[in-house]
Amino acid sequence: MTDSVYKIEEIVGSSPKGQDAAIENAIERATRTLRNLRWFEVVESRGHIEDGKIGHYQVRLKVAFTLD
């Protein structure tokens, strides 16, 4: 294993389909801006309620990428 240095950013993904979809949306979008993504950590999970039902899920993530 080589030595690495990581930068960590926090992002929030959302989806009406569930937590997994919210995570995937966040990671997919982050890859358009951030290079060398290596791992993520779910920090918080919450949702929005509409008319007594789950409207959408929100997941706050820490994503890490290696520095060039």
C-alpha atoms as a PDB file:
ATOM      1  CA  MET A   1       0.000   0.000   0.000  1.00  0.00           C
ATOM      2  CA  THR A   2       1.360   3.413  -0.933  1.00  0.00           C
ATOM      3  CA  ASP A   3       1.150   6.511   1.220  1.00  0.00           C
ATOM      4  CA  SER A   4      -1.807   8.724   0.330  1.00  0.00           C
ATOM      5  CA  VAL A   5      -3.170  12.072   1.400  1.00  0.00           C
ATOM      6  CA  TYR A   6      -6.913  12.618   1.195  1.00  0.00           C
ATOM      7  CA  LYS A   7      -9.130  15.691   1.046  1.00  0.00           C
ATOM      8  CA  ILE A   8     -12.621  15.278   2.516  1.00  0.00           C
ATOM      9  CA  GLU A   9     -15.727  17.159   1.379  1.00  0.00           C
ATOM     10  CA  GLU A  10     -19.331  16.900   2.550  1.00  0.00           C
ATOM     11  CA  ILE A  11     -22.201  16.574   0.098  1.00  0.00           C
ATOM     12  CA  VAL A  12     -25.927  15.781   0.326  1.00  0.00           C
ATOM     13  CA  GLY A  13     -27.751  13.518  -2.095  1.00  0.00           C
ATOM     14  CA  SER A  14     -31.494  13.109  -2.375  1.00  0.00           C
ATOM     15  CA  SER A  15     -33.955  10.792  -4.092  1.00  0.00           C
ATOM     16  CA  PRO A  16     -37.610   9.831  -3.807  1.00  0.00           C
ATOM     17  CA  LYS A  17     -36.570   6.200  -4.389  1.00  0.00           C
ATOM     18  CA  GLY A  18     -34.630   5.570  -1.173  1.00  0.00           C
ATOM     19  CA  GLN A  19     -31.367   6.035   0.663  1.00  0.00           C
ATOM     20  CA  ASP A  20     -29.308   3.919  -1.735  1.00  0.00           C
ATOM     21  CA  ALA A  21     -30.515   5.990  -4.675  1.00  0.00           C
ATOM     22  CA  ALA A  22     -29.719   9.204  -2.761  1.00  0.00           C
ATOM     23  CA  ILE A  23     -26.168   7.964  -2.161  1.00  0.00           C
ATOM     24  CA  GLU A  24     -25.756   6.974  -5.808  1.00  0.00           C
ATOM     25  CA  ASN A  25     -27.062  10.376  -6.968  1.00  0.00           C
ATOM     26  CA  ALA A  26     -24.601  12.186  -4.715  1.00  0.00           C
ATOM     27  CA  ILE A  27     -21.612  10.104  -5.819  1.00  0.00           C
ATOM     28  CA  GLU A  28     -22.524  10.305  -9.499  1.00  0.00           C
ATOM     29  CA  ARG A  29     -22.795  14.093  -9.304  1.00  0.00           C
ATOM     30  CA  ALA A  30     -19.583  14.454  -7.281  1.00  0.00           C
ATOM     31  CA  THR A  31     -17.620  12.554  -9.930  1.00  0.00           C
ATOM     32  CA  ARG A  32     -18.420  15.336 -12.418  1.00  0.00           C
ATOM     33  CA  THR A  33     -16.536  17.862 -10.292  1.00  0.00           C
ATOM     34  CA  LEU A  34     -14.103  15.951  -8.065  1.00  0.00           C
ATOM     35  CA  ARG A  35     -11.320  13.708  -9.356  1.00  0.00           C
ATOM     36  CA  ASN A  36      -9.779  10.669  -7.706  1.00  0.00           C
ATOM     37  CA  LEU A  37     -12.732   9.852  -5.430  1.00  0.00           C
ATOM     38  CA  ARG A  38     -11.784   6.923  -3.211  1.00  0.00           C
ATOM     39  CA  TRP A  39     -14.365   6.420  -0.458  1.00  0.00           C
ATOM     40  CA  PHE A  40     -17.497   7.769   1.175  1.00  0.00           C
ATOM     41  CA  GLU A  41     -19.039   7.709   4.633  1.00  0.00           C
ATOM     42  CA  VAL A  42     -22.731   8.205   5.425  1.00  0.00           C
ATOM     43  CA  VAL A  43     -22.826  10.868   8.133  1.00  0.00           C
ATOM     44  CA  GLU A  44     -26.556  11.520   8.381  1.00  0.00           C
ATOM     45  CA  SER A  45     -29.769  10.195   6.916  1.00  0.00           C
ATOM     46  CA  ARG A  46     -33.074  12.039   6.910  1.00  0.00           C
ATOM     47  CA  GLY A  47     -36.162  12.499   4.821  1.00  0.00           C
ATOM     48  CA  HIS A  48     -38.902  14.874   3.850  1.00  0.00           C
ATOM     49  CA  ILE A  49     -42.521  14.061   4.648  1.00  0.00           C
ATOM     50  CA  GLU A  50     -45.315  15.082   2.290  1.00  0.00           C
ATOM     51  CA  ASP A  51     -48.973  14.390   3.096  1.00  0.00           C
ATOM     52  CA  GLY A  52     -48.021  11.848   5.746  1.00  0.00           C
ATOM     53  CA  LYS A  53     -45.739   9.872   3.419  1.00  0.00           C
ATOM     54  CA  ILE A  54     -42.050   9.940   2.591  1.00  0.00           C
ATOM     55  CA  GLY A  55     -41.528  12.505  -0.157  1.00  0.00           C
ATOM     56  CA  HIS A  56     -37.808  11.982  -0.570  1.00  0.00           C
ATOM     57  CA  TYR A  57     -34.725  10.809   1.260  1.00  0.00           C
ATOM     58  CA  GLN A  58     -31.650  12.897   1.985  1.00  0.00           C
ATOM     59  CA  VAL A  59     -28.240  11.464   2.853  1.00  0.00           C
ATOM     60  CA  ARG A  60     -25.265  13.562   3.979  1.00  0.00           C
ATOM     61  CA  LEU A  61     -21.953  12.038   2.945  1.00  0.00           C
ATOM     62  CA  LYS A  62     -18.300  12.663   3.476  1.00  0.00           C
ATOM     63  CA  VAL A  63     -16.449  11.877   0.275  1.00  0.00           C
ATOM     64  CA  ALA A  64     -12.669  11.584   0.104  1.00  0.00           C
ATOM     65  CA  PHE A  65     -10.340  11.939  -2.828  1.00  0.00           C
ATOM     66  CA  THR A  66      -6.608  11.685  -3.196  1.00  0.00           C
ATOM     67  CA  LEU A  67      -4.666  14.833  -3.903  1.00  0.00           C
ATOM     68  CA  ASP A  68      -2.645  15.094  -7.101  1.00  0.00           C
END
